[in-house]
Amino acid sequence: MTKLITTIAEMQQLTQTWQQCGLNIGFVPTMGALHEGHLTMMQQSIDENDITVISIFVNPLQFGPDEDFDAYPRNIEQDSAKAESIGVDYIFYPSVAEMYPSEPTIQVRAGRLASVLEGAQRPGHFDGVVTVVNKLFNIVRPTYAYFGKKDAQQLAIIEQMVKDFNHPIKIVGVEIVREADGLARSSRNIYLTEEERKQAPHLYQSLKLAHERYIAGEKDSTKLIEAACTYLNEHTDGEIETFAIYSYPELVEQQTITGDIFISLAVKFSKARLIDNIIVTDD
């Protein structure tokens, strides 16, 4: 049976006991509203570790003033049932007051990696992410921590943070889980209207178009982006906020493509802002 933990003290006491016993701890940090993508990460953790802990915490530090913190979906009963159905051992479910009893005086900055793409669109977002993930890592002390490749920029930032702060944790990137029509699973998909939901699979198709033309030999990123944006404008009513090609995981914008890259987009529909990407390696 999955056990719910709400205090930092109890979570740290459990972690200390597991470490003394030499157990591997797998950790999946989430903000709840669990979907198949989350469950895939949890299942991988269960398969690879002795104990699996997930966190459910809607972190206010990573929401901007005009973003959907209050509206973000919360249903701990439903989330707990989903986690228990696949065998998660513990859910760390702290309150905001438990995590931030006072306003943080020491601030963690995500730096250059957060100055582009999502970071440029959402100033301060990744500072909030690295702050809470640092706290969660110090509370749960996992052996392995699992993050989805759907948030590829976040994954790159977390990997660099672990190196910079010498966390003894292995970061595992988990492949994007998609609907049958290609739409990446996301908690924000529920905000799509019926018509927008029909259009949304074209986001992935535009990424595949750019990828296919790259594989066919086109190395000029401007031409790839123009072709993909034309496709998106023809097939969706969404506003293209970002379509970009960057090196990965260095996150340097590419003009003439070399090395490993990721092709990413952000499209704003009426009530949902969706992101997606494809990571492309030389092999």
Protein backbone atom coordinates (compact mmCIF):
# COMPACT_ATOMS: atom_id res chain seq x y z
CA MET A 1 0.00 0.00 0.00
CA THR A 2 1.30 3.45 -0.94
CA LYS A 3 1.99 5.62 2.10
CA LEU A 4 1.46 9.39 2.12
CA ILE A 5 4.16 11.47 3.85
CA THR A 6 3.46 15.14 4.53
CA THR A 7 6.41 16.33 6.63
CA ILE A 8 10.06 16.82 5.78
CA ALA A 9 11.14 15.31 9.10
CA GLU A 10 9.35 12.01 8.50
CA MET A 11 10.56 11.78 4.91
CA GLN A 12 14.18 12.37 5.95
CA GLN A 13 13.91 9.81 8.75
CA LEU A 14 12.70 7.17 6.30
CA THR A 15 15.43 8.06 3.81
CA GLN A 16 18.11 7.73 6.47
CA THR A 17 16.84 4.26 7.37
CA TRP A 18 16.82 3.13 3.72
CA GLN A 19 20.33 4.41 3.15
CA GLN A 20 21.61 2.63 6.25
CA CYS A 21 20.15 -0.57 4.82
CA GLY A 22 21.91 0.01 1.50
CA LEU A 23 18.69 0.34 -0.48
CA ASN A 24 18.49 2.12 -3.84
CA ILE A 25 15.94 4.93 -3.79
CA GLY A 26 14.18 5.97 -7.00
CA PHE A 27 12.52 9.38 -7.06
CA VAL A 28 10.02 10.98 -9.43
CA PRO A 29 9.25 14.64 -8.64
CA THR A 30 5.86 15.80 -9.95
CA MET A 31 3.28 18.54 -9.49
CA GLY A 32 0.45 16.02 -9.52
CA ALA A 33 -2.31 15.75 -12.13
CA LEU A 34 -0.66 12.43 -12.93
CA HIS A 35 -0.95 10.99 -16.43
CA GLU A 36 0.60 8.13 -18.37
CA GLY A 37 3.87 10.00 -18.79
CA HIS A 38 4.30 10.23 -15.02
CA LEU A 39 3.30 6.61 -14.55
CA THR A 40 5.89 5.51 -17.12
CA MET A 41 8.63 7.24 -15.12
CA MET A 42 7.32 5.71 -11.90
CA GLN A 43 7.23 2.24 -13.42
CA GLN A 44 10.83 2.60 -14.57
CA SER A 45 11.83 3.64 -11.06
CA ILE A 46 9.97 0.68 -9.55
CA ASP A 47 11.73 -1.68 -11.97
CA GLU A 48 15.18 -0.25 -11.20
CA ASN A 49 15.12 0.47 -7.45
CA ASP A 50 14.32 -1.04 -4.05
CA ILE A 51 12.12 1.89 -2.97
CA THR A 52 10.22 4.36 -5.15
CA VAL A 53 9.20 7.76 -3.83
CA ILE A 54 7.26 10.35 -5.80
CA SER A 55 6.59 13.90 -4.74
CA ILE A 56 3.42 15.82 -5.44
CA PHE A 57 4.01 19.51 -4.86
CA VAL A 58 2.74 22.44 -6.91
CA ASN A 59 5.74 24.72 -6.52
CA PRO A 60 4.76 28.40 -6.40
CA LEU A 61 8.31 29.56 -7.12
CA GLN A 62 8.19 28.34 -10.71
CA PHE A 63 4.97 30.15 -11.64
CA GLY A 64 5.03 33.68 -13.02
CA PRO A 65 2.53 36.37 -11.95
CA ASP A 66 0.30 35.73 -14.99
CA GLU A 67 0.51 31.93 -14.89
CA ASP A 68 -1.89 29.28 -13.67
CA PHE A 69 -0.71 28.47 -10.11
CA ASP A 70 -4.16 28.72 -8.54
CA ALA A 71 -5.83 26.99 -11.49
CA TYR A 72 -3.30 24.17 -11.72
CA PRO A 73 -5.23 20.88 -11.32
CA ARG A 74 -4.99 19.28 -7.88
CA ASN A 75 -6.57 15.96 -6.91
CA ILE A 76 -4.51 14.06 -4.36
CA GLU A 77 -7.06 11.24 -4.02
CA GLN A 78 -6.98 10.53 -7.75
CA ASP A 79 -3.20 10.90 -7.94
CA SER A 80 -2.70 8.59 -4.95
CA ALA A 81 -4.90 5.94 -6.54
CA LYS A 82 -2.90 6.07 -9.79
CA ALA A 83 0.43 5.84 -7.94
CA GLU A 84 -0.80 2.95 -5.80
CA SER A 85 -2.13 1.09 -8.85
CA ILE A 86 1.41 0.56 -10.16
CA GLY A 87 3.10 -0.01 -6.81
CA VAL A 88 4.70 3.30 -5.77
CA ASP A 89 5.91 2.93 -2.19
CA TYR A 90 5.69 6.50 -0.87
CA ILE A 91 4.21 9.83 -1.89
CA PHE A 92 5.86 12.92 -0.41
CA TYR A 93 3.03 15.45 -0.29
CA PRO A 94 4.13 18.57 1.61
CA SER A 95 2.21 21.80 1.93
CA VAL A 96 3.63 25.10 0.70
CA ALA A 97 4.12 26.11 4.35
CA GLU A 98 6.08 22.91 5.00
CA MET A 99 8.41 23.49 2.04
CA TYR A 100 8.68 27.26 2.46
CA PRO A 101 7.95 28.20 6.10
CA SER A 102 9.30 31.65 5.26
CA GLU A 103 10.31 33.39 2.08
CA PRO A 104 13.61 31.89 0.88
CA THR A 105 16.50 34.25 1.60
CA ILE A 106 19.14 32.23 -0.29
CA GLN A 107 18.29 32.05 -3.96
CA VAL A 108 19.44 29.47 -6.51
CA ARG A 109 19.86 30.66 -10.09
CA ALA A 110 19.66 28.40 -13.12
CA GLY A 111 22.06 30.63 -15.07
CA ARG A 112 22.77 30.66 -18.81
CA LEU A 113 20.90 27.45 -19.58
CA ALA A 114 17.71 29.16 -18.40
CA SER A 115 18.18 32.29 -20.50
CA VAL A 116 16.81 30.76 -23.72
CA LEU A 117 13.63 29.00 -24.93
CA GLU A 118 11.23 28.36 -22.03
CA GLY A 119 13.45 30.35 -19.71
CA ALA A 120 13.25 33.40 -21.96
CA GLN A 121 9.47 33.05 -22.21
CA ARG A 122 9.04 32.49 -18.45
CA PRO A 123 11.63 34.54 -16.53
CA GLY A 124 12.41 33.04 -13.14
CA HIS A 125 10.70 29.74 -13.92
CA PHE A 126 13.83 27.60 -13.88
CA ASP A 127 15.18 29.41 -10.82
CA GLY A 128 12.08 28.10 -9.05
CA VAL A 129 12.63 24.64 -10.51
CA VAL A 130 16.25 24.30 -9.37
CA THR A 131 15.37 25.67 -5.94
CA VAL A 132 12.63 23.13 -5.30
CA VAL A 133 14.53 20.23 -6.87
CA ASN A 134 17.55 20.99 -4.69
CA LYS A 135 15.28 20.92 -1.65
CA LEU A 136 13.60 17.71 -2.73
CA PHE A 137 16.94 16.03 -3.41
CA ASN A 138 18.14 16.96 0.08
CA ILE A 139 14.92 15.63 1.61
CA VAL A 140 14.51 12.38 -0.34
CA ARG A 141 18.22 11.68 -1.04
CA PRO A 142 17.50 9.46 -4.05
CA THR A 143 19.93 7.17 -5.80
CA TYR A 144 18.19 7.76 -9.13
CA ALA A 145 15.85 10.61 -10.10
CA TYR A 146 13.61 10.42 -13.17
CA PHE A 147 12.66 13.35 -15.41
CA GLY A 148 10.73 13.35 -18.68
CA LYS A 149 12.40 14.31 -21.94
CA LYS A 150 9.28 16.28 -22.84
CA ASP A 151 10.78 19.06 -20.69
CA ALA A 152 14.17 18.69 -22.37
CA GLN A 153 15.48 22.08 -21.27
CA GLN A 154 14.53 21.28 -17.68
CA LEU A 155 16.29 17.92 -17.97
CA ALA A 156 19.49 19.59 -19.22
CA ILE A 157 19.35 22.15 -16.39
CA ILE A 158 18.80 19.48 -13.73
CA GLU A 159 21.68 17.40 -15.09
CA GLN A 160 23.97 20.43 -14.94
CA MET A 161 22.71 21.35 -11.46
CA VAL A 162 23.58 17.87 -10.18
CA LYS A 163 27.13 18.28 -11.54
CA ASP A 164 27.55 21.82 -10.19
CA PHE A 165 26.22 20.99 -6.70
CA ASN A 166 27.85 17.54 -6.49
CA HIS A 167 24.63 15.69 -5.78
CA PRO A 168 25.40 11.94 -5.61
CA ILE A 169 22.37 11.24 -7.78
CA LYS A 170 22.01 9.70 -11.24
CA ILE A 171 19.54 11.60 -13.42
CA VAL A 172 17.53 9.39 -15.79
CA GLY A 173 15.81 10.94 -18.80
CA VAL A 174 12.61 9.13 -19.73
CA GLU A 175 11.18 9.14 -23.26
CA ILE A 176 8.10 11.22 -24.06
CA VAL A 177 4.79 9.36 -23.72
CA ARG A 178 2.36 10.26 -26.49
CA GLU A 179 -1.28 9.75 -27.28
CA ALA A 180 -2.09 7.48 -30.24
CA ASP A 181 -2.22 10.55 -32.52
CA GLY A 182 1.19 11.80 -31.39
CA LEU A 183 0.21 14.51 -28.91
CA ALA A 184 2.61 14.53 -25.96
CA ARG A 185 0.83 13.70 -22.71
CA SER A 186 0.55 16.78 -20.50
CA SER A 187 -1.52 17.95 -17.55
CA ARG A 188 -2.38 21.04 -19.58
CA ASN A 189 -4.04 19.10 -22.41
CA ILE A 190 -7.30 19.23 -20.45
CA TYR A 191 -7.47 22.96 -21.21
CA LEU A 192 -7.74 22.38 -24.98
CA THR A 193 -11.09 22.94 -26.64
CA GLU A 194 -12.49 20.13 -28.79
CA GLU A 195 -11.28 21.80 -31.97
CA GLU A 196 -7.85 22.57 -30.48
CA ARG A 197 -7.48 18.95 -29.39
CA LYS A 198 -8.00 17.92 -33.03
CA GLN A 199 -5.31 20.35 -34.13
CA ALA A 200 -2.79 19.62 -31.34
CA PRO A 201 -1.25 16.46 -32.92
CA HIS A 202 0.12 18.68 -35.67
CA LEU A 203 2.67 20.03 -33.18
CA TYR A 204 4.46 16.70 -33.21
CA GLN A 205 4.01 16.42 -36.98
CA SER A 206 5.79 19.76 -37.44
CA LEU A 207 8.72 18.51 -35.36
CA LYS A 208 8.84 15.33 -37.43
CA LEU A 209 8.80 17.41 -40.62
CA ALA A 210 11.85 19.38 -39.49
CA HIS A 211 13.56 16.17 -38.35
CA GLU A 212 12.90 14.38 -41.65
CA ARG A 213 14.27 17.28 -43.70
CA TYR A 214 17.34 17.38 -41.45
CA ILE A 215 17.90 13.64 -41.94
CA ALA A 216 17.50 14.17 -45.69
CA GLY A 217 20.45 16.56 -45.59
CA GLU A 218 19.16 20.06 -44.77
CA LYS A 219 21.51 21.60 -42.17
CA ASP A 220 20.28 25.21 -42.34
CA SER A 221 18.12 25.62 -39.25
CA THR A 222 16.35 28.70 -40.66
CA LYS A 223 14.98 26.67 -43.56
CA LEU A 224 13.87 23.85 -41.27
CA ILE A 225 12.13 26.26 -38.90
CA GLU A 226 10.40 28.10 -41.75
CA ALA A 227 9.03 24.84 -43.18
CA ALA A 228 7.78 23.66 -39.79
CA CYS A 229 6.15 27.00 -38.93
CA THR A 230 4.41 27.12 -42.31
CA TYR A 231 3.03 23.66 -41.59
CA LEU A 232 1.83 24.70 -38.13
CA ASN A 233 0.13 27.84 -39.42
CA GLU A 234 -1.67 25.80 -42.07
CA HIS A 235 -2.89 23.14 -39.65
CA THR A 236 -3.53 24.89 -36.32
CA ASP A 237 -5.00 28.09 -34.93
CA GLY A 238 -2.38 28.21 -32.20
CA GLU A 239 0.11 31.05 -31.80
CA ILE A 240 3.69 29.87 -32.35
CA GLU A 241 5.69 31.32 -29.47
CA THR A 242 8.86 29.34 -30.14
CA PHE A 243 10.21 27.03 -32.80
CA ALA A 244 13.94 26.60 -32.39
CA ILE A 245 16.91 24.32 -32.92
CA TYR A 246 19.55 24.24 -30.19
CA SER A 247 22.54 22.06 -29.37
CA TYR A 248 21.82 19.53 -26.64
CA PRO A 249 22.51 19.57 -23.76
CA GLU A 250 24.58 22.79 -24.13
CA LEU A 251 21.52 24.80 -25.30
CA VAL A 252 23.34 26.93 -27.85
CA GLU A 253 21.26 28.09 -30.81
CA GLN A 254 22.27 26.47 -34.09
CA GLN A 255 22.41 28.20 -37.47
CA THR A 256 24.25 25.49 -39.38
CA ILE A 257 23.49 22.29 -37.49
CA THR A 258 26.30 20.17 -36.08
CA GLY A 259 26.35 17.56 -33.32
CA ASP A 260 23.48 16.58 -31.06
CA ILE A 261 20.48 18.91 -31.14
CA PHE A 262 16.96 19.27 -30.00
CA ILE A 263 14.16 20.73 -32.06
CA SER A 264 11.60 22.36 -29.81
CA LEU A 265 8.40 24.34 -29.96
CA ALA A 266 5.92 26.16 -27.78
CA VAL A 267 2.43 26.88 -29.12
CA LYS A 268 -0.24 28.88 -27.30
CA PHE A 269 -3.86 27.89 -27.76
CA SER A 270 -6.76 29.75 -26.14
CA LYS A 271 -6.23 28.33 -22.63
CA ALA A 272 -3.28 25.97 -23.00
CA ARG A 273 0.36 26.56 -23.80
CA LEU A 274 1.89 23.32 -25.12
CA ILE A 275 5.55 22.40 -25.53
CA ASP A 276 7.13 19.49 -27.37
CA ASN A 277 10.50 18.49 -28.78
CA ILE A 278 12.57 15.89 -30.55
CA ILE A 279 16.13 15.20 -29.42
CA VAL A 280 18.36 14.24 -32.36
CA THR A 281 21.74 12.59 -31.86
CA ASP A 282 24.48 11.95 -34.41
CA ASP A 283 23.88 8.21 -34.27
